[in-house]
């Protein structure tokens, strides 16, 4: 499962990098995916909606049991 998640996140990364940000997979636990968003994307006002609308929806297509995507600050 983690390999599939990382593959999907790797498809998203170039778009975030173009905007000065990045995203990395942290863990998958209890049907939640934990990611770390960095760079300008971490301070973006749209981060919550991008995670919930964009990233979650892409991952949900491949992982139907997914309940959410959570940004963690490590």
C-alpha atoms as a PDB file:
ATOM      1  CA  UNK A   1       0.000   0.000   0.000  1.00  0.00           C
ATOM      2  CA  UNK A   2       2.756   2.443   0.890  1.00  0.00           C
ATOM      3  CA  UNK A   3       4.407   1.950  -2.489  1.00  0.00           C
ATOM      4  CA  UNK A   4       1.166   2.893  -4.262  1.00  0.00           C
ATOM      5  CA  UNK A   5       0.765   5.978  -2.054  1.00  0.00           C
ATOM      6  CA  UNK A   6       4.319   7.127  -2.745  1.00  0.00           C
ATOM      7  CA  UNK A   7       3.800   6.653  -6.495  1.00  0.00           C
ATOM      8  CA  UNK A   8       0.715   8.885  -6.414  1.00  0.00           C
ATOM      9  CA  UNK A   9       2.440  11.512  -4.279  1.00  0.00           C
ATOM     10  CA  UNK A  10       5.391  11.467  -6.690  1.00  0.00           C
ATOM     11  CA  UNK A  11       2.943  12.406  -9.469  1.00  0.00           C
ATOM     12  CA  UNK A  12       1.763  15.414  -7.436  1.00  0.00           C
ATOM     13  CA  UNK A  13       5.219  16.633  -6.383  1.00  0.00           C
ATOM     14  CA  UNK A  14       6.257  18.336  -9.649  1.00  0.00           C
ATOM     15  CA  UNK A  15       3.254  20.677  -9.458  1.00  0.00           C
ATOM     16  CA  UNK A  16       4.078  21.676  -5.896  1.00  0.00           C
ATOM     17  CA  UNK A  17       7.761  22.082  -6.703  1.00  0.00           C
ATOM     18  CA  UNK A  18       6.836  24.528  -9.493  1.00  0.00           C
ATOM     19  CA  UNK A  19       5.130  26.647  -6.827  1.00  0.00           C
ATOM     20  CA  UNK A  20       8.130  26.479  -4.479  1.00  0.00           C
ATOM     21  CA  UNK A  21       6.826  23.704  -2.266  1.00  0.00           C
ATOM     22  CA  UNK A  22       7.062  19.970  -1.865  1.00  0.00           C
ATOM     23  CA  UNK A  23       5.294  17.028  -0.260  1.00  0.00           C
ATOM     24  CA  UNK A  24       6.594  13.819   1.225  1.00  0.00           C
ATOM     25  CA  UNK A  25       4.918  10.696   2.522  1.00  0.00           C
ATOM     26  CA  UNK A  26       5.253  10.154   6.275  1.00  0.00           C
ATOM     27  CA  UNK A  27       3.051   7.140   7.047  1.00  0.00           C
ATOM     28  CA  UNK A  28      -0.195   5.318   6.362  1.00  0.00           C
ATOM     29  CA  UNK A  29      -2.150   4.381   9.459  1.00  0.00           C
ATOM     30  CA  UNK A  30      -5.799   3.577  10.239  1.00  0.00           C
ATOM     31  CA  UNK A  31      -6.901   4.592   6.711  1.00  0.00           C
ATOM     32  CA  UNK A  32      -5.248   8.026   7.012  1.00  0.00           C
ATOM     33  CA  UNK A  33      -2.244   9.179   5.015  1.00  0.00           C
ATOM     34  CA  UNK A  34       0.162  11.488   6.812  1.00  0.00           C
ATOM     35  CA  UNK A  35       2.242  13.813   4.661  1.00  0.00           C
ATOM     36  CA  UNK A  36       4.667  16.642   5.267  1.00  0.00           C
ATOM     37  CA  UNK A  37       4.149  19.705   3.075  1.00  0.00           C
ATOM     38  CA  UNK A  38       7.155  22.031   2.915  1.00  0.00           C
ATOM     39  CA  UNK A  39       8.298  25.236   1.275  1.00  0.00           C
ATOM     40  CA  UNK A  40       5.858  27.899   0.180  1.00  0.00           C
ATOM     41  CA  UNK A  41       3.037  25.348   0.122  1.00  0.00           C
ATOM     42  CA  UNK A  42       3.304  24.896   3.891  1.00  0.00           C
ATOM     43  CA  UNK A  43       2.351  28.542   4.462  1.00  0.00           C
ATOM     44  CA  UNK A  44      -0.229  28.754   1.677  1.00  0.00           C
ATOM     45  CA  UNK A  45      -3.739  29.864   2.596  1.00  0.00           C
ATOM     46  CA  UNK A  46      -5.100  27.201   0.242  1.00  0.00           C
ATOM     47  CA  UNK A  47      -3.198  24.302   1.822  1.00  0.00           C
ATOM     48  CA  UNK A  48      -6.243  22.864   3.589  1.00  0.00           C
ATOM     49  CA  UNK A  49      -8.390  22.873   0.484  1.00  0.00           C
ATOM     50  CA  UNK A  50      -5.558  21.571  -1.700  1.00  0.00           C
ATOM     51  CA  UNK A  51      -5.032  18.634   0.634  1.00  0.00           C
ATOM     52  CA  UNK A  52      -8.747  17.924   1.056  1.00  0.00           C
ATOM     53  CA  UNK A  53      -9.886  18.558  -2.504  1.00  0.00           C
ATOM     54  CA  UNK A  54      -6.880  17.761  -4.654  1.00  0.00           C
ATOM     55  CA  UNK A  55      -4.539  15.340  -2.942  1.00  0.00           C
ATOM     56  CA  UNK A  56      -7.234  13.430  -1.047  1.00  0.00           C
ATOM     57  CA  UNK A  57      -9.354  12.938  -4.163  1.00  0.00           C
ATOM     58  CA  UNK A  58      -6.410  11.632  -6.198  1.00  0.00           C
ATOM     59  CA  UNK A  59      -5.460   9.184  -3.471  1.00  0.00           C
ATOM     60  CA  UNK A  60      -9.073   8.186  -2.792  1.00  0.00           C
ATOM     61  CA  UNK A  61      -9.427   6.992  -6.401  1.00  0.00           C
ATOM     62  CA  UNK A  62      -6.747   4.387  -5.746  1.00  0.00           C
ATOM     63  CA  UNK A  63      -7.492   3.749  -2.071  1.00  0.00           C
ATOM     64  CA  UNK A  64     -11.283   3.651  -1.603  1.00  0.00           C
ATOM     65  CA  UNK A  65     -11.047   3.090   2.166  1.00  0.00           C
ATOM     66  CA  UNK A  66      -9.034   6.296   2.669  1.00  0.00           C
ATOM     67  CA  UNK A  67     -10.551   8.555   5.339  1.00  0.00           C
ATOM     68  CA  UNK A  68      -8.242  11.551   5.039  1.00  0.00           C
ATOM     69  CA  UNK A  69      -4.875  13.122   4.343  1.00  0.00           C
ATOM     70  CA  UNK A  70      -3.206  14.895   7.252  1.00  0.00           C
ATOM     71  CA  UNK A  71      -0.325  17.360   7.005  1.00  0.00           C
ATOM     72  CA  UNK A  72       2.108  16.960   9.888  1.00  0.00           C
ATOM     73  CA  UNK A  73       4.772  19.432  10.919  1.00  0.00           C
ATOM     74  CA  UNK A  74       7.838  17.478  11.962  1.00  0.00           C
END
